[in-house]
Amino acid sequence: MPPLSWWGYASSREIVRRAFEDMGLADLELAHRISDDYRALRDSAIAPYPGAIELLAELRARGTPMALITNGAAESQRRNVERFGLAQYFDCVVIEGEFGVGKPDERVFRHALASCGMNAESTWMVGDSLEADIAPAVRLGMHAVWIDASGGFDGAGAPAAVETMRGAGERPHRVIARIDELLR
């Protein structure tokens, strides 16, 4: 069986092939090249939030136990962890493709908590997805900090749509626009 990252490339190739087919184009080699170039550009554009590495270094220097929980294929996510030297900052790294399930599955959060020897009530979850990061963390009793990197939110709490969808009980405790706001 091919590695999980292959499936992402294969599905991208299939999407472009079908688009070519819909336009009456039959150049499979060109479709694959476009798909592969897109994936390579997408992967090269991945970068930590500005200030994130400095924040991690500061928290590590303070002795703060930390876990990294990330969704995605094992190979590509592990490559990103290594590419940015992230493992040195974390007591636990949980990658969906290695662990078997990803966020918002609460087992991922429980595993990270247990690996760090922490309880939910004394833990912060910082993430940029209301559904995958914030909602499960709040359900487990963690202090949830939502990074609203879009800049379109005023910081007063979760958007009304989230309150309607999830109920007021799953709102983030804090909203920040940039990761470096976390220590303020």
N, C-alpha and C. Protein backbone atom coordinates (compact mmCIF):
# COMPACT_ATOMS: atom_id res chain seq x y z
N MET A 1 0.85 -1.19 0.00
CA MET A 1 0.00 0.00 0.00
C MET A 1 0.88 1.24 0.00
N PRO A 2 0.58 2.23 -0.85
CA PRO A 2 1.39 3.46 -0.90
C PRO A 2 1.26 4.26 0.39
N PRO A 3 2.29 5.09 0.71
CA PRO A 3 2.19 5.95 1.90
C PRO A 3 1.03 6.94 1.76
N LEU A 4 0.54 7.42 2.91
CA LEU A 4 -0.60 8.34 2.92
C LEU A 4 -0.35 9.58 2.08
N SER A 5 0.88 10.10 2.09
CA SER A 5 1.14 11.32 1.32
C SER A 5 0.92 11.08 -0.17
N TRP A 6 1.16 9.84 -0.64
CA TRP A 6 0.91 9.51 -2.04
C TRP A 6 -0.55 9.73 -2.39
N TRP A 7 -1.45 9.38 -1.45
CA TRP A 7 -2.88 9.52 -1.72
C TRP A 7 -3.24 10.98 -1.98
N GLY A 8 -2.62 11.91 -1.27
CA GLY A 8 -2.88 13.33 -1.51
C GLY A 8 -2.47 13.74 -2.91
N TYR A 9 -1.31 13.28 -3.32
CA TYR A 9 -0.86 13.60 -4.68
C TYR A 9 -1.74 12.91 -5.72
N ALA A 10 -2.11 11.66 -5.45
CA ALA A 10 -2.96 10.92 -6.39
C ALA A 10 -4.32 11.60 -6.53
N SER A 11 -4.89 12.05 -5.42
CA SER A 11 -6.20 12.70 -5.52
C SER A 11 -6.09 14.04 -6.25
N SER A 12 -5.00 14.78 -6.03
CA SER A 12 -4.79 16.03 -6.76
C SER A 12 -4.67 15.78 -8.25
N ARG A 13 -3.93 14.75 -8.60
CA ARG A 13 -3.77 14.40 -10.01
C ARG A 13 -5.12 14.04 -10.63
N GLU A 14 -5.94 13.31 -9.88
CA GLU A 14 -7.25 12.91 -10.40
C GLU A 14 -8.15 14.13 -10.59
N ILE A 15 -8.11 15.06 -9.68
CA ILE A 15 -8.93 16.27 -9.79
C ILE A 15 -8.54 17.06 -11.05
N VAL A 16 -7.24 17.24 -11.26
CA VAL A 16 -6.79 17.98 -12.44
C VAL A 16 -7.11 17.20 -13.71
N ARG A 17 -6.93 15.88 -13.69
CA ARG A 17 -7.26 15.06 -14.86
C ARG A 17 -8.72 15.22 -15.25
N ARG A 18 -9.60 15.19 -14.23
CA ARG A 18 -11.03 15.35 -14.50
C ARG A 18 -11.35 16.75 -15.03
N ALA A 19 -10.68 17.75 -14.48
CA ALA A 19 -10.89 19.12 -14.98
C ALA A 19 -10.47 19.21 -16.45
N PHE A 20 -9.32 18.60 -16.76
CA PHE A 20 -8.88 18.56 -18.17
C PHE A 20 -9.93 17.87 -19.03
N GLU A 21 -10.42 16.74 -18.54
CA GLU A 21 -11.43 15.98 -19.28
C GLU A 21 -12.67 16.82 -19.54
N ASP A 22 -13.12 17.55 -18.52
CA ASP A 22 -14.30 18.41 -18.65
C ASP A 22 -14.08 19.52 -19.70
N MET A 23 -12.82 19.93 -19.86
CA MET A 23 -12.50 20.97 -20.84
C MET A 23 -12.14 20.39 -22.21
N GLY A 24 -12.23 19.06 -22.32
CA GLY A 24 -11.92 18.42 -23.59
C GLY A 24 -10.43 18.29 -23.86
N LEU A 25 -9.62 18.36 -22.82
CA LEU A 25 -8.16 18.22 -22.97
C LEU A 25 -7.74 16.80 -22.59
N ALA A 26 -6.79 16.25 -23.34
CA ALA A 26 -6.40 14.86 -23.11
C ALA A 26 -4.93 14.72 -22.74
N ASP A 27 -4.27 15.79 -22.36
CA ASP A 27 -2.84 15.74 -22.06
C ASP A 27 -2.63 15.34 -20.60
N LEU A 28 -2.55 14.03 -20.36
CA LEU A 28 -2.41 13.50 -19.01
C LEU A 28 -1.09 13.93 -18.37
N GLU A 29 -0.03 13.97 -19.16
CA GLU A 29 1.27 14.38 -18.63
C GLU A 29 1.22 15.82 -18.12
N LEU A 30 0.61 16.71 -18.86
CA LEU A 30 0.47 18.10 -18.44
C LEU A 30 -0.40 18.20 -17.19
N ALA A 31 -1.49 17.45 -17.15
CA ALA A 31 -2.36 17.45 -15.96
C ALA A 31 -1.57 17.03 -14.72
N HIS A 32 -0.76 16.00 -14.84
CA HIS A 32 0.05 15.54 -13.71
C HIS A 32 1.10 16.58 -13.32
N ARG A 33 1.72 17.20 -14.32
CA ARG A 33 2.71 18.23 -14.01
C ARG A 33 2.09 19.40 -13.27
N ILE A 34 0.92 19.84 -13.72
CA ILE A 34 0.22 20.95 -13.05
C ILE A 34 -0.11 20.57 -11.61
N SER A 35 -0.64 19.37 -11.43
CA SER A 35 -0.99 18.91 -10.09
C SER A 35 0.24 18.82 -9.20
N ASP A 36 1.31 18.22 -9.71
CA ASP A 36 2.52 18.06 -8.92
C ASP A 36 3.16 19.40 -8.59
N ASP A 37 3.16 20.32 -9.56
CA ASP A 37 3.70 21.65 -9.30
C ASP A 37 2.89 22.37 -8.23
N TYR A 38 1.56 22.26 -8.31
CA TYR A 38 0.70 22.88 -7.30
C TYR A 38 1.04 22.33 -5.91
N ARG A 39 1.12 21.00 -5.80
CA ARG A 39 1.40 20.39 -4.49
C ARG A 39 2.77 20.84 -3.97
N ALA A 40 3.76 20.89 -4.84
CA ALA A 40 5.10 21.32 -4.42
C ALA A 40 5.09 22.77 -3.95
N LEU A 41 4.41 23.64 -4.69
CA LEU A 41 4.30 25.05 -4.29
C LEU A 41 3.55 25.19 -2.97
N ARG A 42 2.47 24.42 -2.84
CA ARG A 42 1.67 24.45 -1.61
C ARG A 42 2.53 24.02 -0.42
N ASP A 43 3.27 22.92 -0.58
CA ASP A 43 4.12 22.42 0.51
C ASP A 43 5.21 23.43 0.86
N SER A 44 5.81 24.07 -0.15
CA SER A 44 6.89 25.03 0.13
C SER A 44 6.37 26.30 0.79
N ALA A 45 5.08 26.60 0.63
CA ALA A 45 4.50 27.80 1.23
C ALA A 45 4.16 27.63 2.71
N ILE A 46 4.16 26.40 3.19
CA ILE A 46 3.84 26.14 4.59
C ILE A 46 4.94 26.72 5.46
N ALA A 47 4.55 27.50 6.44
CA ALA A 47 5.51 28.12 7.35
C ALA A 47 4.83 28.36 8.69
N PRO A 48 5.60 28.36 9.76
CA PRO A 48 5.02 28.70 11.06
C PRO A 48 4.49 30.14 11.04
N TYR A 49 3.52 30.39 11.90
CA TYR A 49 3.06 31.77 12.06
C TYR A 49 4.25 32.65 12.43
N PRO A 50 4.27 33.90 11.98
CA PRO A 50 5.34 34.81 12.40
C PRO A 50 5.39 34.89 13.93
N GLY A 51 6.57 34.72 14.47
CA GLY A 51 6.76 34.77 15.91
C GLY A 51 6.55 33.46 16.62
N ALA A 52 6.09 32.42 15.93
CA ALA A 52 5.78 31.15 16.58
C ALA A 52 7.02 30.46 17.15
N ILE A 53 8.10 30.41 16.40
CA ILE A 53 9.32 29.73 16.86
C ILE A 53 9.88 30.45 18.09
N GLU A 54 9.87 31.76 18.06
CA GLU A 54 10.35 32.54 19.21
C GLU A 54 9.47 32.28 20.43
N LEU A 55 8.17 32.21 20.23
CA LEU A 55 7.24 31.92 21.33
C LEU A 55 7.52 30.53 21.90
N LEU A 56 7.69 29.55 21.03
CA LEU A 56 7.98 28.19 21.50
C LEU A 56 9.27 28.16 22.30
N ALA A 57 10.29 28.86 21.83
CA ALA A 57 11.57 28.90 22.55
C ALA A 57 11.39 29.53 23.93
N GLU A 58 10.61 30.61 24.00
CA GLU A 58 10.36 31.28 25.29
C GLU A 58 9.60 30.34 26.24
N LEU A 59 8.56 29.69 25.74
CA LEU A 59 7.79 28.78 26.59
C LEU A 59 8.63 27.60 27.04
N ARG A 60 9.47 27.08 26.16
CA ARG A 60 10.36 25.97 26.52
C ARG A 60 11.34 26.43 27.59
N ALA A 61 11.89 27.64 27.44
CA ALA A 61 12.84 28.18 28.43
C ALA A 61 12.17 28.34 29.80
N ARG A 62 10.89 28.59 29.81
CA ARG A 62 10.14 28.72 31.07
C ARG A 62 9.78 27.35 31.66
N GLY A 63 10.05 26.29 30.91
CA GLY A 63 9.75 24.94 31.39
C GLY A 63 8.30 24.52 31.19
N THR A 64 7.60 25.19 30.29
CA THR A 64 6.19 24.88 30.03
C THR A 64 6.08 23.57 29.26
N PRO A 65 5.37 22.58 29.80
CA PRO A 65 5.16 21.35 29.03
C PRO A 65 4.26 21.67 27.83
N MET A 66 4.62 21.11 26.66
CA MET A 66 3.85 21.41 25.46
C MET A 66 3.72 20.17 24.59
N ALA A 67 2.58 20.10 23.90
CA ALA A 67 2.33 19.06 22.92
C ALA A 67 1.93 19.71 21.61
N LEU A 68 2.34 19.09 20.53
CA LEU A 68 1.94 19.52 19.19
C LEU A 68 0.97 18.47 18.66
N ILE A 69 -0.21 18.90 18.26
CA ILE A 69 -1.19 18.01 17.66
C ILE A 69 -1.47 18.53 16.26
N THR A 70 -1.23 17.71 15.26
CA THR A 70 -1.44 18.16 13.89
C THR A 70 -2.13 17.08 13.07
N ASN A 71 -3.04 17.50 12.24
CA ASN A 71 -3.72 16.57 11.34
C ASN A 71 -2.92 16.45 10.05
N GLY A 72 -3.13 15.35 9.38
CA GLY A 72 -2.51 15.15 8.08
C GLY A 72 -1.75 13.85 7.99
N ALA A 73 -1.21 13.63 6.81
CA ALA A 73 -0.45 12.41 6.53
C ALA A 73 0.85 12.40 7.32
N ALA A 74 1.24 11.21 7.76
CA ALA A 74 2.42 11.06 8.60
C ALA A 74 3.67 11.61 7.93
N GLU A 75 3.91 11.23 6.70
CA GLU A 75 5.14 11.61 6.01
C GLU A 75 5.27 13.12 5.84
N SER A 76 4.23 13.76 5.35
CA SER A 76 4.32 15.21 5.10
C SER A 76 4.35 16.00 6.40
N GLN A 77 3.57 15.60 7.39
CA GLN A 77 3.57 16.34 8.65
C GLN A 77 4.88 16.13 9.42
N ARG A 78 5.41 14.90 9.40
CA ARG A 78 6.69 14.65 10.06
C ARG A 78 7.79 15.46 9.38
N ARG A 79 7.72 15.56 8.06
CA ARG A 79 8.69 16.36 7.30
C ARG A 79 8.62 17.82 7.75
N ASN A 80 7.41 18.35 7.97
CA ASN A 80 7.28 19.74 8.43
C ASN A 80 7.82 19.91 9.85
N VAL A 81 7.56 18.95 10.72
CA VAL A 81 8.09 19.02 12.08
C VAL A 81 9.61 19.09 12.04
N GLU A 82 10.21 18.24 11.20
CA GLU A 82 11.68 18.24 11.08
C GLU A 82 12.18 19.49 10.37
N ARG A 83 11.51 19.90 9.32
CA ARG A 83 11.92 21.07 8.53
C ARG A 83 12.05 22.33 9.39
N PHE A 84 11.13 22.50 10.35
CA PHE A 84 11.13 23.69 11.18
C PHE A 84 11.73 23.46 12.57
N GLY A 85 12.28 22.26 12.80
CA GLY A 85 12.92 21.97 14.09
C GLY A 85 11.96 22.04 15.26
N LEU A 86 10.72 21.62 15.06
CA LEU A 86 9.69 21.78 16.09
C LEU A 86 9.78 20.78 17.23
N ALA A 87 10.28 19.58 16.98
CA ALA A 87 10.27 18.53 18.01
C ALA A 87 11.00 18.96 19.28
N GLN A 88 12.03 19.79 19.14
CA GLN A 88 12.82 20.22 20.30
C GLN A 88 12.00 21.00 21.33
N TYR A 89 10.88 21.57 20.90
CA TYR A 89 10.08 22.39 21.79
C TYR A 89 8.98 21.61 22.50
N PHE A 90 8.67 20.42 22.03
CA PHE A 90 7.49 19.70 22.50
C PHE A 90 7.84 18.43 23.25
N ASP A 91 7.07 18.16 24.30
CA ASP A 91 7.20 16.92 25.05
C ASP A 91 6.50 15.78 24.32
N CYS A 92 5.58 16.13 23.44
CA CYS A 92 4.78 15.14 22.73
C CYS A 92 4.39 15.72 21.37
N VAL A 93 4.58 14.94 20.31
CA VAL A 93 4.14 15.33 18.97
C VAL A 93 3.18 14.26 18.49
N VAL A 94 1.94 14.66 18.23
CA VAL A 94 0.91 13.73 17.76
C VAL A 94 0.51 14.12 16.34
N ILE A 95 0.80 13.22 15.41
CA ILE A 95 0.47 13.44 14.01
C ILE A 95 -0.62 12.43 13.64
N GLU A 96 -1.70 12.95 13.08
CA GLU A 96 -2.85 12.11 12.75
C GLU A 96 -2.44 10.84 12.00
N GLY A 97 -1.61 10.96 10.98
CA GLY A 97 -1.23 9.81 10.17
C GLY A 97 -0.41 8.78 10.92
N GLU A 98 0.22 9.17 12.01
CA GLU A 98 0.97 8.23 12.84
C GLU A 98 0.10 7.67 13.96
N PHE A 99 -0.75 8.51 14.52
CA PHE A 99 -1.56 8.14 15.68
C PHE A 99 -2.79 7.32 15.28
N GLY A 100 -3.31 7.59 14.10
CA GLY A 100 -4.48 6.84 13.62
C GLY A 100 -5.77 7.61 13.61
N VAL A 101 -5.88 8.66 14.40
CA VAL A 101 -7.03 9.57 14.37
C VAL A 101 -6.49 10.98 14.56
N GLY A 102 -7.29 11.96 14.15
CA GLY A 102 -6.86 13.34 14.28
C GLY A 102 -7.91 14.20 14.95
N LYS A 103 -7.58 15.47 15.08
CA LYS A 103 -8.54 16.42 15.65
C LYS A 103 -9.76 16.48 14.74
N PRO A 104 -10.92 16.57 15.23
CA PRO A 104 -11.34 16.91 16.59
C PRO A 104 -11.58 15.71 17.52
N ASP A 105 -11.12 14.52 17.15
CA ASP A 105 -11.31 13.34 17.99
C ASP A 105 -10.64 13.59 19.34
N GLU A 106 -11.40 13.47 20.40
CA GLU A 106 -10.90 13.80 21.74
C GLU A 106 -9.80 12.85 22.22
N ARG A 107 -9.69 11.67 21.61
CA ARG A 107 -8.61 10.75 22.00
C ARG A 107 -7.23 11.36 21.74
N VAL A 108 -7.13 12.19 20.71
CA VAL A 108 -5.86 12.85 20.39
C VAL A 108 -5.47 13.79 21.53
N PHE A 109 -6.42 14.55 22.00
CA PHE A 109 -6.17 15.50 23.09
C PHE A 109 -5.84 14.75 24.39
N ARG A 110 -6.59 13.70 24.66
CA ARG A 110 -6.34 12.92 25.89
C ARG A 110 -4.94 12.30 25.86
N HIS A 111 -4.54 11.80 24.70
CA HIS A 111 -3.20 11.23 24.56
C HIS A 111 -2.13 12.29 24.83
N ALA A 112 -2.30 13.46 24.25
CA ALA A 112 -1.33 14.54 24.46
C ALA A 112 -1.27 14.94 25.93
N LEU A 113 -2.41 15.06 26.56
CA LEU A 113 -2.45 15.41 27.98
C LEU A 113 -1.71 14.36 28.81
N ALA A 114 -2.01 13.09 28.56
CA ALA A 114 -1.37 12.01 29.33
C ALA A 114 0.14 11.99 29.07
N SER A 115 0.55 12.20 27.84
CA SER A 115 1.98 12.19 27.50
C SER A 115 2.75 13.30 28.19
N CYS A 116 2.08 14.42 28.43
CA CYS A 116 2.72 15.55 29.10
C CYS A 116 2.48 15.54 30.61
N GLY A 117 1.70 14.57 31.08
CA GLY A 117 1.40 14.50 32.51
C GLY A 117 0.55 15.66 32.99
N MET A 118 -0.33 16.14 32.13
CA MET A 118 -1.15 17.31 32.45
C MET A 118 -2.62 16.90 32.56
N ASN A 119 -3.39 17.73 33.26
CA ASN A 119 -4.83 17.55 33.26
C ASN A 119 -5.45 18.67 32.43
N ALA A 120 -6.62 18.43 31.93
CA ALA A 120 -7.26 19.39 31.01
C ALA A 120 -7.46 20.75 31.65
N GLU A 121 -7.84 20.78 32.91
CA GLU A 121 -8.18 22.05 33.57
C GLU A 121 -6.99 23.00 33.69
N SER A 122 -5.78 22.46 33.68
CA SER A 122 -4.60 23.34 33.81
C SER A 122 -3.86 23.50 32.48
N THR A 123 -4.54 23.17 31.39
CA THR A 123 -3.89 23.18 30.08
C THR A 123 -4.55 24.18 29.14
N TRP A 124 -3.74 24.81 28.33
CA TRP A 124 -4.23 25.69 27.27
C TRP A 124 -4.13 24.96 25.94
N MET A 125 -5.14 25.09 25.12
CA MET A 125 -5.09 24.64 23.72
C MET A 125 -5.09 25.88 22.87
N VAL A 126 -4.08 26.02 22.04
CA VAL A 126 -3.98 27.17 21.14
C VAL A 126 -4.09 26.62 19.72
N GLY A 127 -5.08 27.10 18.99
CA GLY A 127 -5.26 26.59 17.63
C GLY A 127 -6.02 27.55 16.75
N ASP A 128 -5.97 27.28 15.45
CA ASP A 128 -6.62 28.18 14.50
C ASP A 128 -7.89 27.62 13.89
N SER A 129 -8.34 26.47 14.35
CA SER A 129 -9.59 25.90 13.85
C SER A 129 -10.61 25.81 14.98
N LEU A 130 -11.71 26.52 14.80
CA LEU A 130 -12.75 26.46 15.83
C LEU A 130 -13.28 25.04 16.00
N GLU A 131 -13.48 24.36 14.90
CA GLU A 131 -14.07 23.02 14.97
C GLU A 131 -13.07 21.95 15.43
N ALA A 132 -11.87 21.96 14.88
CA ALA A 132 -10.91 20.90 15.17
C ALA A 132 -10.11 21.14 16.44
N ASP A 133 -9.82 22.39 16.78
CA ASP A 133 -8.98 22.71 17.93
C ASP A 133 -9.77 23.18 19.15
N ILE A 134 -10.59 24.18 18.94
CA ILE A 134 -11.23 24.87 20.06
C ILE A 134 -12.38 24.07 20.67
N ALA A 135 -13.33 23.63 19.85
CA ALA A 135 -14.51 22.92 20.37
C ALA A 135 -14.14 21.69 21.20
N PRO A 136 -13.28 20.79 20.73
CA PRO A 136 -12.96 19.62 21.56
C PRO A 136 -12.18 20.00 22.82
N ALA A 137 -11.32 21.01 22.73
CA ALA A 137 -10.58 21.44 23.91
C ALA A 137 -11.52 21.96 24.99
N VAL A 138 -12.49 22.77 24.59
CA VAL A 138 -13.46 23.31 25.55
C VAL A 138 -14.28 22.17 26.16
N ARG A 139 -14.70 21.22 25.32
CA ARG A 139 -15.47 20.08 25.85
C ARG A 139 -14.68 19.30 26.89
N LEU A 140 -13.36 19.25 26.72
CA LEU A 140 -12.52 18.51 27.67
C LEU A 140 -12.14 19.34 28.89
N GLY A 141 -12.48 20.63 28.89
CA GLY A 141 -12.19 21.47 30.04
C GLY A 141 -10.91 22.27 29.95
N MET A 142 -10.31 22.33 28.78
CA MET A 142 -9.08 23.11 28.59
C MET A 142 -9.42 24.59 28.40
N HIS A 143 -8.44 25.41 28.63
CA HIS A 143 -8.55 26.84 28.33
C HIS A 143 -8.22 26.96 26.85
N ALA A 144 -9.16 27.42 26.04
CA ALA A 144 -8.99 27.44 24.59
C ALA A 144 -8.70 28.84 24.07
N VAL A 145 -7.63 28.95 23.29
CA VAL A 145 -7.24 30.22 22.67
C VAL A 145 -7.29 30.03 21.16
N TRP A 146 -8.14 30.80 20.52
CA TRP A 146 -8.31 30.71 19.07
C TRP A 146 -7.46 31.77 18.39
N ILE A 147 -6.64 31.34 17.44
CA ILE A 147 -5.87 32.27 16.61
C ILE A 147 -6.74 32.57 15.40
N ASP A 148 -7.31 33.76 15.36
CA ASP A 148 -8.11 34.20 14.23
C ASP A 148 -7.18 34.99 13.31
N ALA A 149 -6.42 34.27 12.50
CA ALA A 149 -5.42 34.89 11.65
C ALA A 149 -6.03 35.66 10.48
N SER A 150 -7.33 35.53 10.29
CA SER A 150 -7.97 36.23 9.17
C SER A 150 -8.00 37.73 9.39
N GLY A 151 -7.93 38.15 10.62
CA GLY A 151 -7.97 39.57 10.92
C GLY A 151 -9.36 40.17 10.82
N GLY A 152 -10.35 39.35 10.48
CA GLY A 152 -11.69 39.86 10.27
C GLY A 152 -12.57 39.80 11.50
N PHE A 153 -12.00 39.47 12.62
CA PHE A 153 -12.79 39.30 13.83
C PHE A 153 -12.31 40.28 14.89
N ASP A 154 -13.22 40.75 15.72
CA ASP A 154 -12.87 41.83 16.65
C ASP A 154 -12.29 41.37 17.98
N GLY A 155 -12.16 40.06 18.21
CA GLY A 155 -11.55 39.56 19.44
C GLY A 155 -12.48 39.47 20.63
N ALA A 156 -13.75 39.72 20.47
CA ALA A 156 -14.68 39.71 21.60
C ALA A 156 -15.24 38.32 21.92
N GLY A 157 -14.97 37.34 21.15
CA GLY A 157 -15.47 35.99 21.36
C GLY A 157 -15.71 35.32 20.02
N ALA A 158 -16.17 34.08 20.06
CA ALA A 158 -16.39 33.35 18.81
C ALA A 158 -17.47 34.02 17.98
N PRO A 159 -17.40 33.88 16.66
CA PRO A 159 -18.43 34.46 15.81
C PRO A 159 -19.82 33.90 16.16
N ALA A 160 -20.83 34.68 15.89
CA ALA A 160 -22.19 34.27 16.21
C ALA A 160 -22.56 32.95 15.55
N ALA A 161 -22.04 32.70 14.36
CA ALA A 161 -22.34 31.44 13.68
C ALA A 161 -21.83 30.25 14.48
N VAL A 162 -20.69 30.39 15.12
CA VAL A 162 -20.15 29.29 15.91
C VAL A 162 -21.01 29.09 17.16
N GLU A 163 -21.43 30.18 17.78
CA GLU A 163 -22.30 30.06 18.95
C GLU A 163 -23.59 29.34 18.58
N THR A 164 -24.13 29.66 17.42
CA THR A 164 -25.36 29.03 16.97
C THR A 164 -25.12 27.55 16.69
N MET A 165 -24.01 27.25 16.01
CA MET A 165 -23.70 25.86 15.66
C MET A 165 -23.34 25.03 16.87
N ARG A 166 -22.50 25.54 17.70
CA ARG A 166 -21.91 24.77 18.77
C ARG A 166 -22.49 25.04 20.16
N GLY A 167 -23.16 26.14 20.29
CA GLY A 167 -23.63 26.53 21.62
C GLY A 167 -22.57 27.36 22.32
N ALA A 168 -23.00 28.22 23.20
CA ALA A 168 -22.09 29.16 23.87
C ALA A 168 -21.04 28.44 24.70
N GLY A 169 -21.27 27.20 25.09
CA GLY A 169 -20.32 26.47 25.93
C GLY A 169 -19.02 26.11 25.23
N GLU A 170 -18.96 26.21 23.92
CA GLU A 170 -17.74 25.83 23.21
C GLU A 170 -17.03 27.03 22.58
N ARG A 171 -17.27 28.17 23.12
CA ARG A 171 -16.59 29.37 22.65
C ARG A 171 -15.16 29.38 23.16
N PRO A 172 -14.23 29.95 22.40
CA PRO A 172 -12.86 30.08 22.92
C PRO A 172 -12.86 31.03 24.10
N HIS A 173 -11.94 30.81 25.01
CA HIS A 173 -11.80 31.68 26.16
C HIS A 173 -11.11 32.99 25.79
N ARG A 174 -10.31 32.90 24.74
CA ARG A 174 -9.56 34.08 24.29
C ARG A 174 -9.39 33.99 22.78
N VAL A 175 -9.38 35.13 22.13
CA VAL A 175 -9.15 35.20 20.69
C VAL A 175 -7.97 36.13 20.46
N ILE A 176 -7.01 35.66 19.65
CA ILE A 176 -5.86 36.47 19.31
C ILE A 176 -5.73 36.50 17.78
N ALA A 177 -5.12 37.54 17.27
CA ALA A 177 -4.92 37.65 15.83
C ALA A 177 -3.52 37.17 15.43
N ARG A 178 -2.56 37.25 16.36
CA ARG A 178 -1.18 36.83 16.09
C ARG A 178 -0.70 35.99 17.26
N ILE A 179 0.12 35.01 16.96
CA ILE A 179 0.60 34.08 17.98
C ILE A 179 1.41 34.79 19.06
N ASP A 180 2.11 35.88 18.70
CA ASP A 180 2.92 36.57 19.70
C ASP A 180 2.09 37.31 20.74
N GLU A 181 0.78 37.37 20.54
CA GLU A 181 -0.12 37.96 21.54
C GLU A 181 -0.35 37.02 22.72
N LEU A 182 0.04 35.79 22.57
CA LEU A 182 -0.24 34.79 23.60
C LEU A 182 0.36 35.12 24.96
N LEU A 183 1.52 35.73 24.98
CA LEU A 183 2.19 36.04 26.25
C LEU A 183 1.82 37.41 26.80
N ARG A 184 0.93 38.12 26.14
CA ARG A 184 0.55 39.45 26.63
C ARG A 184 -0.60 39.34 27.60
